[in-house]
Amino acid sequence: VQLQASGGGLVQAGGSLRLSCAASGSIFSAYTLAWYRQAPGKQREWVAHITTGGAIVYAHSVKGRFTISRDNAKNTVYLQMNSLKPEDTAVYYCNALNPAWDRNYWGQGTLVTVSS
């Protein structure tokens, strides 16, 4: 699987962005899809994931503001980010995981900068 993330940019606090991550090369629907982020000087942290069956879990810090979704027909996972805060500033990475196949793929990251 090759993952290509896009949609990052500069936005003011309170604004919105929609990240996309397009996949190619494998059976997209067989993977749990996730978004992670890494702020400057910090470790990468999990943000949200959506399973093959559509179950969704969010990190507490983004719950109620971010929405993850997937379109298996388009081989794409999305992250709608609303009410953005300066502390959301980070490089956002998409991830595709299938433990049964021992497959774990990362996209290249897209930078989100939220100004105060």
PDB file of N, CA and C in Angstrom:
ATOM      1  N   VAL A   1       0.851  -1.197   0.000  1.00  0.00           N
ATOM      2  CA  VAL A   1       0.000   0.000   0.000  1.00  0.00           C
ATOM      3  C   VAL A   1       0.884   1.242   0.000  1.00  0.00           C
ATOM      4  N   GLN A   2       0.579   2.170  -0.870  1.00  0.00           N
ATOM      5  CA  GLN A   2       1.235   3.482  -0.864  1.00  0.00           C
ATOM      6  C   GLN A   2       0.196   4.514  -0.464  1.00  0.00           C
ATOM      7  N   LEU A   3       0.561   5.354   0.487  1.00  0.00           N
ATOM      8  CA  LEU A   3      -0.363   6.352   1.020  1.00  0.00           C
ATOM      9  C   LEU A   3       0.141   7.752   0.702  1.00  0.00           C
ATOM     10  N   GLN A   4      -0.764   8.594   0.246  1.00  0.00           N
ATOM     11  CA  GLN A   4      -0.425   9.973  -0.109  1.00  0.00           C
ATOM     12  C   GLN A   4      -1.375  10.913   0.617  1.00  0.00           C
ATOM     13  N   ALA A   5      -0.848  11.621   1.615  1.00  0.00           N
ATOM     14  CA  ALA A   5      -1.665  12.552   2.386  1.00  0.00           C
ATOM     15  C   ALA A   5      -1.623  13.943   1.773  1.00  0.00           C
ATOM     16  N   SER A   6      -2.726  14.657   1.914  1.00  0.00           N
ATOM     17  CA  SER A   6      -2.813  16.023   1.405  1.00  0.00           C
ATOM     18  C   SER A   6      -3.841  16.794   2.210  1.00  0.00           C
ATOM     19  N   GLY A   7      -3.876  18.111   2.002  1.00  0.00           N
ATOM     20  CA  GLY A   7      -4.897  18.937   2.624  1.00  0.00           C
ATOM     21  C   GLY A   7      -4.412  19.806   3.761  1.00  0.00           C
ATOM     22  N   GLY A   8      -3.159  19.658   4.159  1.00  0.00           N
ATOM     23  CA  GLY A   8      -2.645  20.506   5.223  1.00  0.00           C
ATOM     24  C   GLY A   8      -2.484  21.939   4.773  1.00  0.00           C
ATOM     25  N   GLY A   9      -2.215  22.804   5.748  1.00  0.00           N
ATOM     26  CA  GLY A   9      -2.019  24.203   5.428  1.00  0.00           C
ATOM     27  C   GLY A   9      -2.044  25.056   6.667  1.00  0.00           C
ATOM     28  N   LEU A  10      -2.132  26.355   6.449  1.00  0.00           N
ATOM     29  CA  LEU A  10      -2.171  27.332   7.540  1.00  0.00           C
ATOM     30  C   LEU A  10      -3.605  27.806   7.725  1.00  0.00           C
ATOM     31  N   VAL A  11      -4.065  27.771   8.959  1.00  0.00           N
ATOM     32  CA  VAL A  11      -5.436  28.182   9.261  1.00  0.00           C
ATOM     33  C   VAL A  11      -5.445  28.908  10.605  1.00  0.00           C
ATOM     34  N   GLN A  12      -6.368  29.830  10.762  1.00  0.00           N
ATOM     35  CA  GLN A  12      -6.502  30.526  12.037  1.00  0.00           C
ATOM     36  C   GLN A  12      -7.236  29.654  13.056  1.00  0.00           C
ATOM     37  N   ALA A  13      -6.983  29.907  14.305  1.00  0.00           N
ATOM     38  CA  ALA A  13      -7.689  29.193  15.365  1.00  0.00           C
ATOM     39  C   ALA A  13      -9.201  29.331  15.160  1.00  0.00           C
ATOM     40  N   GLY A  14      -9.904  28.226  15.357  1.00  0.00           N
ATOM     41  CA  GLY A  14     -11.335  28.210  15.128  1.00  0.00           C
ATOM     42  C   GLY A  14     -11.730  27.779  13.729  1.00  0.00           C
ATOM     43  N   GLY A  15     -10.758  27.709  12.845  1.00  0.00           N
ATOM     44  CA  GLY A  15     -11.028  27.336  11.467  1.00  0.00           C
ATOM     45  C   GLY A  15     -11.081  25.835  11.261  1.00  0.00           C
ATOM     46  N   SER A  16     -11.200  25.447   9.987  1.00  0.00           N
ATOM     47  CA  SER A  16     -11.350  24.044   9.630  1.00  0.00           C
ATOM     48  C   SER A  16     -10.414  23.672   8.492  1.00  0.00           C
ATOM     49  N   LEU A  17     -10.051  22.421   8.474  1.00  0.00           N
ATOM     50  CA  LEU A  17      -9.306  21.829   7.369  1.00  0.00           C
ATOM     51  C   LEU A  17      -9.788  20.403   7.178  1.00  0.00           C
ATOM     52  N   ARG A  18      -9.652  19.914   5.959  1.00  0.00           N
ATOM     53  CA  ARG A  18      -9.980  18.523   5.670  1.00  0.00           C
ATOM     54  C   ARG A  18      -8.759  17.850   5.074  1.00  0.00           C
ATOM     55  N   LEU A  19      -8.255  16.858   5.757  1.00  0.00           N
ATOM     56  CA  LEU A  19      -7.131  16.086   5.255  1.00  0.00           C
ATOM     57  C   LEU A  19      -7.643  14.873   4.489  1.00  0.00           C
ATOM     58  N   SER A  20      -6.912  14.506   3.464  1.00  0.00           N
ATOM     59  CA  SER A  20      -7.212  13.316   2.687  1.00  0.00           C
ATOM     60  C   SER A  20      -5.972  12.441   2.619  1.00  0.00           C
ATOM     61  N   CYS A  21      -6.193  11.159   2.495  1.00  0.00           N
ATOM     62  CA  CYS A  21      -5.096  10.215   2.328  1.00  0.00           C
ATOM     63  C   CYS A  21      -5.542   9.162   1.332  1.00  0.00           C
ATOM     64  N   ALA A  22      -4.950   9.209   0.159  1.00  0.00           N
ATOM     65  CA  ALA A  22      -5.302   8.288  -0.904  1.00  0.00           C
ATOM     66  C   ALA A  22      -4.338   7.108  -0.910  1.00  0.00           C
ATOM     67  N   ALA A  23      -4.888   5.923  -1.097  1.00  0.00           N
ATOM     68  CA  ALA A  23      -4.081   4.706  -1.071  1.00  0.00           C
ATOM     69  C   ALA A  23      -4.101   4.015  -2.418  1.00  0.00           C
ATOM     70  N   SER A  24      -3.034   3.307  -2.692  1.00  0.00           N
ATOM     71  CA  SER A  24      -2.960   2.515  -3.911  1.00  0.00           C
ATOM     72  C   SER A  24      -2.159   1.261  -3.626  1.00  0.00           C
ATOM     73  N   GLY A  25      -2.409   0.230  -4.405  1.00  0.00           N
ATOM     74  CA  GLY A  25      -1.531  -0.922  -4.371  1.00  0.00           C
ATOM     75  C   GLY A  25      -2.002  -2.117  -3.594  1.00  0.00           C
ATOM     76  N   SER A  26      -3.150  -2.039  -2.901  1.00  0.00           N
ATOM     77  CA  SER A  26      -3.587  -3.217  -2.161  1.00  0.00           C
ATOM     78  C   SER A  26      -5.084  -3.138  -1.920  1.00  0.00           C
ATOM     79  N   ILE A  27      -5.593  -4.047  -1.122  1.00  0.00           N
ATOM     80  CA  ILE A  27      -7.027  -4.094  -0.839  1.00  0.00           C
ATOM     81  C   ILE A  27      -7.316  -3.114   0.292  1.00  0.00           C
ATOM     82  N   PHE A  28      -7.676  -1.910  -0.069  1.00  0.00           N
ATOM     83  CA  PHE A  28      -7.849  -0.816   0.886  1.00  0.00           C
ATOM     84  C   PHE A  28      -8.836  -1.178   1.980  1.00  0.00           C
ATOM     85  N   SER A  29      -9.918  -1.829   1.613  1.00  0.00           N
ATOM     86  CA  SER A  29     -10.994  -2.102   2.563  1.00  0.00           C
ATOM     87  C   SER A  29     -10.575  -3.082   3.653  1.00  0.00           C
ATOM     88  N   ALA A  30      -9.450  -3.747   3.507  1.00  0.00           N
ATOM     89  CA  ALA A  30      -8.999  -4.742   4.478  1.00  0.00           C
ATOM     90  C   ALA A  30      -8.157  -4.132   5.602  1.00  0.00           C
ATOM     91  N   TYR A  31      -7.978  -2.813   5.571  1.00  0.00           N
ATOM     92  CA  TYR A  31      -7.094  -2.156   6.524  1.00  0.00           C
ATOM     93  C   TYR A  31      -7.855  -1.261   7.497  1.00  0.00           C
ATOM     94  N   THR A  32      -7.438  -1.295   8.751  1.00  0.00           N
ATOM     95  CA  THR A  32      -7.824  -0.249   9.685  1.00  0.00           C
ATOM     96  C   THR A  32      -7.017   0.994   9.327  1.00  0.00           C
ATOM     97  N   LEU A  33      -7.687   2.120   9.253  1.00  0.00           N
ATOM     98  CA  LEU A  33      -7.053   3.362   8.834  1.00  0.00           C
ATOM     99  C   LEU A  33      -7.011   4.338   9.997  1.00  0.00           C
ATOM    100  N   ALA A  34      -5.913   5.018  10.123  1.00  0.00           N
ATOM    101  CA  ALA A  34      -5.737   5.906  11.265  1.00  0.00           C
ATOM    102  C   ALA A  34      -5.025   7.179  10.847  1.00  0.00           C
ATOM    103  N   TRP A  35      -5.201   8.189  11.673  1.00  0.00           N
ATOM    104  CA  TRP A  35      -4.431   9.422  11.567  1.00  0.00           C
ATOM    105  C   TRP A  35      -3.623   9.573  12.854  1.00  0.00           C
ATOM    106  N   TYR A  36      -2.388   9.972  12.679  1.00  0.00           N
ATOM    107  CA  TYR A  36      -1.485  10.305  13.773  1.00  0.00           C
ATOM    108  C   TYR A  36      -0.980  11.721  13.527  1.00  0.00           C
ATOM    109  N   ARG A  37      -0.384  12.306  14.541  1.00  0.00           N
ATOM    110  CA  ARG A  37       0.238  13.604  14.357  1.00  0.00           C
ATOM    111  C   ARG A  37       1.488  13.719  15.221  1.00  0.00           C
ATOM    112  N   GLN A  38       2.374  14.568  14.775  1.00  0.00           N
ATOM    113  CA  GLN A  38       3.606  14.807  15.512  1.00  0.00           C
ATOM    114  C   GLN A  38       3.879  16.293  15.538  1.00  0.00           C
ATOM    115  N   ALA A  39       3.776  16.863  16.731  1.00  0.00           N
ATOM    116  CA  ALA A  39       4.057  18.283  16.920  1.00  0.00           C
ATOM    117  C   ALA A  39       5.569  18.476  17.075  1.00  0.00           C
ATOM    118  N   PRO A  40       6.052  19.680  16.810  1.00  0.00           N
ATOM    119  CA  PRO A  40       7.485  19.940  16.944  1.00  0.00           C
ATOM    120  C   PRO A  40       8.004  19.586  18.335  1.00  0.00           C
ATOM    121  N   GLY A  41       9.056  18.786  18.386  1.00  0.00           N
ATOM    122  CA  GLY A  41       9.664  18.431  19.645  1.00  0.00           C
ATOM    123  C   GLY A  41       8.927  17.384  20.455  1.00  0.00           C
ATOM    124  N   LYS A  42       7.870  16.805  19.869  1.00  0.00           N
ATOM    125  CA  LYS A  42       7.076  15.820  20.595  1.00  0.00           C
ATOM    126  C   LYS A  42       7.035  14.497  19.846  1.00  0.00           C
ATOM    127  N   GLN A  43       6.603  13.456  20.549  1.00  0.00           N
ATOM    128  CA  GLN A  43       6.471  12.156  19.916  1.00  0.00           C
ATOM    129  C   GLN A  43       5.201  12.102  19.076  1.00  0.00           C
ATOM    130  N   ARG A  44       5.207  11.218  18.106  1.00  0.00           N
ATOM    131  CA  ARG A  44       4.015  11.015  17.298  1.00  0.00           C
ATOM    132  C   ARG A  44       2.910  10.446  18.192  1.00  0.00           C
ATOM    133  N   GLU A  45       1.701  10.979  17.996  1.00  0.00           N
ATOM    134  CA  GLU A  45       0.571  10.513  18.796  1.00  0.00           C
ATOM    135  C   GLU A  45      -0.587  10.116  17.882  1.00  0.00           C
ATOM    136  N   TRP A  46      -1.326   9.137  18.335  1.00  0.00           N
ATOM    137  CA  TRP A  46      -2.512   8.675  17.621  1.00  0.00           C
ATOM    138  C   TRP A  46      -3.624   9.708  17.777  1.00  0.00           C
ATOM    139  N   VAL A  47      -4.373   9.937  16.695  1.00  0.00           N
ATOM    140  CA  VAL A  47      -5.469  10.907  16.690  1.00  0.00           C
ATOM    141  C   VAL A  47      -6.830  10.211  16.601  1.00  0.00           C
ATOM    142  N   ALA A  48      -6.956   9.290  15.660  1.00  0.00           N
ATOM    143  CA  ALA A  48      -8.231   8.611  15.452  1.00  0.00           C
ATOM    144  C   ALA A  48      -8.011   7.419  14.532  1.00  0.00           C
ATOM    145  N   HIS A  49      -8.924   6.452  14.613  1.00  0.00           N
ATOM    146  CA  HIS A  49      -8.878   5.366  13.648  1.00  0.00           C
ATOM    147  C   HIS A  49     -10.286   4.904  13.305  1.00  0.00           C
ATOM    148  N   ILE A  50     -10.385   4.258  12.150  1.00  0.00           N
ATOM    149  CA  ILE A  50     -11.643   3.679  11.690  1.00  0.00           C
ATOM    150  C   ILE A  50     -11.324   2.270  11.200  1.00  0.00           C
ATOM    151  N   THR A  51     -12.070   1.297  11.712  1.00  0.00           N
ATOM    152  CA  THR A  51     -11.784  -0.099  11.383  1.00  0.00           C
ATOM    153  C   THR A  51     -12.415  -0.500  10.052  1.00  0.00           C
ATOM    154  N   THR A  52     -12.146  -1.721   9.646  1.00  0.00           N
ATOM    155  CA  THR A  52     -12.736  -2.233   8.413  1.00  0.00           C
ATOM    156  C   THR A  52     -14.256  -2.291   8.523  1.00  0.00           C
ATOM    157  N   GLY A  53     -14.760  -2.461   9.732  1.00  0.00           N
ATOM    158  CA  GLY A  53     -16.201  -2.508   9.929  1.00  0.00           C
ATOM    159  C   GLY A  53     -16.833  -1.153  10.188  1.00  0.00           C
ATOM    160  N   GLY A  54     -16.010  -0.114  10.219  1.00  0.00           N
ATOM    161  CA  GLY A  54     -16.537   1.237  10.396  1.00  0.00           C
ATOM    162  C   GLY A  54     -16.551   1.745  11.829  1.00  0.00           C
ATOM    163  N   ALA A  55     -16.034   0.962  12.760  1.00  0.00           N
ATOM    164  CA  ALA A  55     -15.957   1.442  14.141  1.00  0.00           C
ATOM    165  C   ALA A  55     -14.913   2.552  14.237  1.00  0.00           C
ATOM    166  N   ILE A  56     -15.235   3.575  15.000  1.00  0.00           N
ATOM    167  CA  ILE A  56     -14.395   4.779  15.079  1.00  0.00           C
ATOM    168  C   ILE A  56     -14.050   5.088  16.532  1.00  0.00           C
ATOM    169  N   VAL A  57     -12.807   5.451  16.747  1.00  0.00           N
ATOM    170  CA  VAL A  57     -12.361   5.886  18.067  1.00  0.00           C
ATOM    171  C   VAL A  57     -11.499   7.134  17.882  1.00  0.00           C
ATOM    172  N   TYR A  58     -11.667   8.076  18.805  1.00  0.00           N
ATOM    173  CA  TYR A  58     -10.908   9.337  18.762  1.00  0.00           C
ATOM    174  C   TYR A  58     -10.088   9.514  20.032  1.00  0.00           C
ATOM    175  N   ALA A  59      -8.989  10.201  19.883  1.00  0.00           N
ATOM    176  CA  ALA A  59      -8.253  10.656  21.058  1.00  0.00           C
ATOM    177  C   ALA A  59      -9.090  11.698  21.779  1.00  0.00           C
ATOM    178  N   HIS A  60      -8.956  11.746  23.074  1.00  0.00           N
ATOM    179  CA  HIS A  60      -9.758  12.673  23.880  1.00  0.00           C
ATOM    180  C   HIS A  60      -9.550  14.116  23.434  1.00  0.00           C
ATOM    181  N   SER A  61      -8.343  14.438  23.024  1.00  0.00           N
ATOM    182  CA  SER A  61      -8.012  15.822  22.692  1.00  0.00           C
ATOM    183  C   SER A  61      -8.728  16.326  21.438  1.00  0.00           C
ATOM    184  N   VAL A  62      -9.237  15.423  20.600  1.00  0.00           N
ATOM    185  CA  VAL A  62      -9.871  15.854  19.347  1.00  0.00           C
ATOM    186  C   VAL A  62     -11.338  15.450  19.269  1.00  0.00           C
ATOM    187  N   LYS A  63     -11.799  14.661  20.226  1.00  0.00           N
ATOM    188  CA  LYS A  63     -13.175  14.174  20.190  1.00  0.00           C
ATOM    189  C   LYS A  63     -14.148  15.342  20.191  1.00  0.00           C
ATOM    190  N   GLY A  64     -15.108  15.286  19.278  1.00  0.00           N
ATOM    191  CA  GLY A  64     -16.089  16.348  19.154  1.00  0.00           C
ATOM    192  C   GLY A  64     -15.689  17.445  18.182  1.00  0.00           C
ATOM    193  N   ARG A  65     -14.413  17.441  17.776  1.00  0.00           N
ATOM    194  CA  ARG A  65     -13.941  18.452  16.818  1.00  0.00           C
ATOM    195  C   ARG A  65     -13.488  17.834  15.494  1.00  0.00           C
ATOM    196  N   PHE A  66     -12.957  16.637  15.557  1.00  0.00           N
ATOM    197  CA  PHE A  66     -12.445  15.957  14.363  1.00  0.00           C
ATOM    198  C   PHE A  66     -13.378  14.806  13.987  1.00  0.00           C
ATOM    199  N   THR A  67     -13.453  14.528  12.681  1.00  0.00           N
ATOM    200  CA  THR A  67     -14.245  13.411  12.189  1.00  0.00           C
ATOM    201  C   THR A  67     -13.423  12.631  11.173  1.00  0.00           C
ATOM    202  N   ILE A  68     -13.260  11.341  11.435  1.00  0.00           N
ATOM    203  CA  ILE A  68     -12.563  10.474  10.498  1.00  0.00           C
ATOM    204  C   ILE A  68     -13.609   9.714   9.686  1.00  0.00           C
ATOM    205  N   SER A  69     -13.307   9.510   8.413  1.00  0.00           N
ATOM    206  CA  SER A  69     -14.214   8.742   7.560  1.00  0.00           C
ATOM    207  C   SER A  69     -13.389   8.062   6.474  1.00  0.00           C
ATOM    208  N   ARG A  70     -13.996   7.076   5.841  1.00  0.00           N
ATOM    209  CA  ARG A  70     -13.306   6.362   4.777  1.00  0.00           C
ATOM    210  C   ARG A  70     -14.261   6.142   3.614  1.00  0.00           C
ATOM    211  N   ASP A  71     -13.696   6.147   2.422  1.00  0.00           N
ATOM    212  CA  ASP A  71     -14.448   5.844   1.214  1.00  0.00           C
ATOM    213  C   ASP A  71     -13.686   4.730   0.512  1.00  0.00           C
ATOM    214  N   ASN A  72     -14.137   3.509   0.707  1.00  0.00           N
ATOM    215  CA  ASN A  72     -13.406   2.372   0.139  1.00  0.00           C
ATOM    216  C   ASN A  72     -13.445   2.376  -1.388  1.00  0.00           C
ATOM    217  N   ALA A  73     -14.481   2.933  -1.962  1.00  0.00           N
ATOM    218  CA  ALA A  73     -14.567   2.991  -3.423  1.00  0.00           C
ATOM    219  C   ALA A  73     -13.498   3.910  -4.007  1.00  0.00           C
ATOM    220  N   LYS A  74     -13.124   4.927  -3.221  1.00  0.00           N
ATOM    221  CA  LYS A  74     -12.104   5.878  -3.674  1.00  0.00           C
ATOM    222  C   LYS A  74     -10.745   5.601  -3.040  1.00  0.00           C
ATOM    223  N   ASN A  75     -10.662   4.539  -2.229  1.00  0.00           N
ATOM    224  CA  ASN A  75      -9.410   4.210  -1.538  1.00  0.00           C
ATOM    225  C   ASN A  75      -8.854   5.410  -0.779  1.00  0.00           C
ATOM    226  N   THR A  76      -9.723   6.100  -0.066  1.00  0.00           N
ATOM    227  CA  THR A  76      -9.334   7.334   0.596  1.00  0.00           C
ATOM    228  C   THR A  76      -9.884   7.378   2.017  1.00  0.00           C
ATOM    229  N   VAL A  77      -9.069   7.884   2.913  1.00  0.00           N
ATOM    230  CA  VAL A  77      -9.503   8.165   4.279  1.00  0.00           C
ATOM    231  C   VAL A  77      -9.380   9.665   4.498  1.00  0.00           C
ATOM    232  N   TYR A  78     -10.324  10.213   5.257  1.00  0.00           N
ATOM    233  CA  TYR A  78     -10.393  11.654   5.479  1.00  0.00           C
ATOM    234  C   TYR A  78     -10.318  11.970   6.968  1.00  0.00           C
ATOM    235  N   LEU A  79      -9.890  13.190   7.235  1.00  0.00           N
ATOM    236  CA  LEU A  79      -9.954  13.710   8.593  1.00  0.00           C
ATOM    237  C   LEU A  79     -10.467  15.141   8.501  1.00  0.00           C
ATOM    238  N   GLN A  80     -11.718  15.325   8.882  1.00  0.00           N
ATOM    239  CA  GLN A  80     -12.306  16.662   8.931  1.00  0.00           C
ATOM    240  C   GLN A  80     -11.979  17.258  10.291  1.00  0.00           C
ATOM    241  N   MET A  81     -11.326  18.393  10.282  1.00  0.00           N
ATOM    242  CA  MET A  81     -10.886  19.026  11.515  1.00  0.00           C
ATOM    243  C   MET A  81     -11.566  20.383  11.656  1.00  0.00           C
ATOM    244  N   ASN A  82     -12.383  20.512  12.681  1.00  0.00           N
ATOM    245  CA  ASN A  82     -13.098  21.745  12.957  1.00  0.00           C
ATOM    246  C   ASN A  82     -12.630  22.339  14.281  1.00  0.00           C
ATOM    247  N   SER A  83     -12.958  23.593  14.486  1.00  0.00           N
ATOM    248  CA  SER A  83     -12.600  24.279  15.739  1.00  0.00           C
ATOM    249  C   SER A  83     -11.134  24.067  16.083  1.00  0.00           C
ATOM    250  N   LEU A  84     -10.291  24.285  15.108  1.00  0.00           N
ATOM    251  CA  LEU A  84      -8.871  24.025  15.293  1.00  0.00           C
ATOM    252  C   LEU A  84      -8.259  24.955  16.329  1.00  0.00           C
ATOM    253  N   LYS A  85      -7.286  24.404  17.047  1.00  0.00           N
ATOM    254  CA  LYS A  85      -6.589  25.131  18.100  1.00  0.00           C
ATOM    255  C   LYS A  85      -5.096  25.176  17.767  1.00  0.00           C
ATOM    256  N   PRO A  86      -4.378  26.141  18.288  1.00  0.00           N
ATOM    257  CA  PRO A  86      -2.928  26.183  18.037  1.00  0.00           C
ATOM    258  C   PRO A  86      -2.228  24.892  18.437  1.00  0.00           C
ATOM    259  N   GLU A  87      -2.726  24.218  19.450  1.00  0.00           N
ATOM    260  CA  GLU A  87      -2.094  22.966  19.883  1.00  0.00           C
ATOM    261  C   GLU A  87      -2.353  21.810  18.920  1.00  0.00           C
ATOM    262  N   ASP A  88      -3.173  22.023  17.913  1.00  0.00           N
ATOM    263  CA  ASP A  88      -3.359  21.025  16.855  1.00  0.00           C
ATOM    264  C   ASP A  88      -2.261  21.116  15.796  1.00  0.00           C
ATOM    265  N   THR A  89      -1.417  22.123  15.900  1.00  0.00           N
ATOM    266  CA  THR A  89      -0.325  22.273  14.947  1.00  0.00           C
ATOM    267  C   THR A  89       0.601  21.065  14.999  1.00  0.00           C
ATOM    268  N   ALA A  90       0.794  20.432  13.843  1.00  0.00           N
ATOM    269  CA  ALA A  90       1.596  19.209  13.775  1.00  0.00           C
ATOM    270  C   ALA A  90       1.684  18.745  12.325  1.00  0.00           C
ATOM    271  N   VAL A  91       2.572  17.799  12.102  1.00  0.00           N
ATOM    272  CA  VAL A  91       2.541  17.052  10.854  1.00  0.00           C
ATOM    273  C   VAL A  91       1.601  15.875  11.072  1.00  0.00           C
ATOM    274  N   TYR A  92       0.630  15.739  10.181  1.00  0.00           N
ATOM    275  CA  TYR A  92      -0.362  14.684  10.295  1.00  0.00           C
ATOM    276  C   TYR A  92      -0.018  13.552   9.320  1.00  0.00           C
ATOM    277  N   TYR A  93      -0.059  12.337   9.842  1.00  0.00           N
ATOM    278  CA  TYR A  93       0.282  11.150   9.069  1.00  0.00           C
ATOM    279  C   TYR A  93      -0.909  10.196   9.006  1.00  0.00           C
ATOM    280  N   CYS A  94      -1.124   9.606   7.853  1.00  0.00           N
ATOM    281  CA  CYS A  94      -2.122   8.543   7.765  1.00  0.00           C
ATOM    282  C   CYS A  94      -1.413   7.199   7.864  1.00  0.00           C
ATOM    283  N   ASN A  95      -2.182   6.224   8.321  1.00  0.00           N
ATOM    284  CA  ASN A  95      -1.633   4.890   8.572  1.00  0.00           C
ATOM    285  C   ASN A  95      -2.649   3.847   8.156  1.00  0.00           C
ATOM    286  N   ALA A  96      -2.152   2.770   7.561  1.00  0.00           N
ATOM    287  CA  ALA A  96      -3.003   1.631   7.190  1.00  0.00           C
ATOM    288  C   ALA A  96      -2.427   0.386   7.854  1.00  0.00           C
ATOM    289  N   LEU A  97      -3.268  -0.311   8.596  1.00  0.00           N
ATOM    290  CA  LEU A  97      -2.816  -1.440   9.397  1.00  0.00           C
ATOM    291  C   LEU A  97      -3.671  -2.679   9.161  1.00  0.00           C
ATOM    292  N   ASN A  98      -3.000  -3.801   8.957  1.00  0.00           N
ATOM    293  CA  ASN A  98      -3.668  -5.089   8.942  1.00  0.00           C
ATOM    294  C   ASN A  98      -2.775  -6.070   9.692  1.00  0.00           C
ATOM    295  N   PRO A  99      -3.027  -6.285  10.972  1.00  0.00           N
ATOM    296  CA  PRO A  99      -2.155  -7.148  11.782  1.00  0.00           C
ATOM    297  C   PRO A  99      -2.123  -8.596  11.294  1.00  0.00           C
ATOM    298  N   ALA A 100      -3.245  -9.078  10.780  1.00  0.00           N
ATOM    299  CA  ALA A 100      -3.298 -10.472  10.328  1.00  0.00           C
ATOM    300  C   ALA A 100      -2.340 -10.716   9.172  1.00  0.00           C
ATOM    301  N   TRP A 101      -2.143  -9.694   8.354  1.00  0.00           N
ATOM    302  CA  TRP A 101      -1.221  -9.798   7.232  1.00  0.00           C
ATOM    303  C   TRP A 101       0.154  -9.236   7.577  1.00  0.00           C
ATOM    304  N   ASP A 102       0.313  -8.780   8.806  1.00  0.00           N
ATOM    305  CA  ASP A 102       1.569  -8.153   9.224  1.00  0.00           C
ATOM    306  C   ASP A 102       1.938  -7.001   8.299  1.00  0.00           C
ATOM    307  N   ARG A 103       0.975  -6.158   8.060  1.00  0.00           N
ATOM    308  CA  ARG A 103       1.170  -5.013   7.178  1.00  0.00           C
ATOM    309  C   ARG A 103       0.870  -3.724   7.934  1.00  0.00           C
ATOM    310  N   ASN A 104       1.774  -2.771   7.822  1.00  0.00           N
ATOM    311  CA  ASN A 104       1.637  -1.490   8.513  1.00  0.00           C
ATOM    312  C   ASN A 104       2.295  -0.433   7.637  1.00  0.00           C
ATOM    313  N   TYR A 105       1.497   0.472   7.098  1.00  0.00           N
ATOM    314  CA  TYR A 105       1.997   1.455   6.141  1.00  0.00           C
ATOM    315  C   TYR A 105       1.738   2.865   6.635  1.00  0.00           C
ATOM    316  N   TRP A 106       2.678   3.770   6.276  1.00  0.00           N
ATOM    317  CA  TRP A 106       2.562   5.178   6.651  1.00  0.00           C
ATOM    318  C   TRP A 106       2.613   6.057   5.409  1.00  0.00           C
ATOM    319  N   GLY A 107       1.833   7.143   5.462  1.00  0.00           N
ATOM    320  CA  GLY A 107       1.940   8.172   4.443  1.00  0.00           C
ATOM    321  C   GLY A 107       3.080   9.114   4.791  1.00  0.00           C
ATOM    322  N   GLN A 108       3.309  10.081   3.921  1.00  0.00           N
ATOM    323  CA  GLN A 108       4.481  10.945   4.075  1.00  0.00           C
ATOM    324  C   GLN A 108       4.247  12.129   5.009  1.00  0.00           C
ATOM    325  N   GLY A 109       3.022  12.381   5.405  1.00  0.00           N
ATOM    326  CA  GLY A 109       2.730  13.485   6.303  1.00  0.00           C
ATOM    327  C   GLY A 109       2.341  14.757   5.594  1.00  0.00           C
ATOM    328  N   THR A 110       1.444  15.498   6.233  1.00  0.00           N
ATOM    329  CA  THR A 110       1.042  16.809   5.720  1.00  0.00           C
ATOM    330  C   THR A 110       0.989  17.771   6.905  1.00  0.00           C
ATOM    331  N   LEU A 111       1.544  18.961   6.721  1.00  0.00           N
ATOM    332  CA  LEU A 111       1.704  19.910   7.822  1.00  0.00           C
ATOM    333  C   LEU A 111       0.444  20.745   8.015  1.00  0.00           C
ATOM    334  N   VAL A 112      -0.011  20.779   9.258  1.00  0.00           N
ATOM    335  CA  VAL A 112      -1.122  21.640   9.653  1.00  0.00           C
ATOM    336  C   VAL A 112      -0.590  22.658  10.654  1.00  0.00           C
ATOM    337  N   THR A 113      -0.791  23.924  10.345  1.00  0.00           N
ATOM    338  CA  THR A 113      -0.354  24.995  11.233  1.00  0.00           C
ATOM    339  C   THR A 113      -1.563  25.838  11.607  1.00  0.00           C
ATOM    340  N   VAL A 114      -1.819  25.949  12.902  1.00  0.00           N
ATOM    341  CA  VAL A 114      -2.955  26.728  13.389  1.00  0.00           C
ATOM    342  C   VAL A 114      -2.414  27.950  14.125  1.00  0.00           C
ATOM    343  N   SER A 115      -2.739  29.121  13.612  1.00  0.00           N
ATOM    344  CA  SER A 115      -2.256  30.358  14.216  1.00  0.00           C
ATOM    345  C   SER A 115      -3.270  30.888  15.227  1.00  0.00           C
ATOM    346  N   SER A 116      -2.755  31.539  16.249  1.00  0.00           N
ATOM    347  CA  SER A 116      -3.643  32.057  17.301  1.00  0.00           C
ATOM    348  C   SER A 116      -4.092  33.471  16.993  1.00  0.00           C
TER     349      SER A 116
END
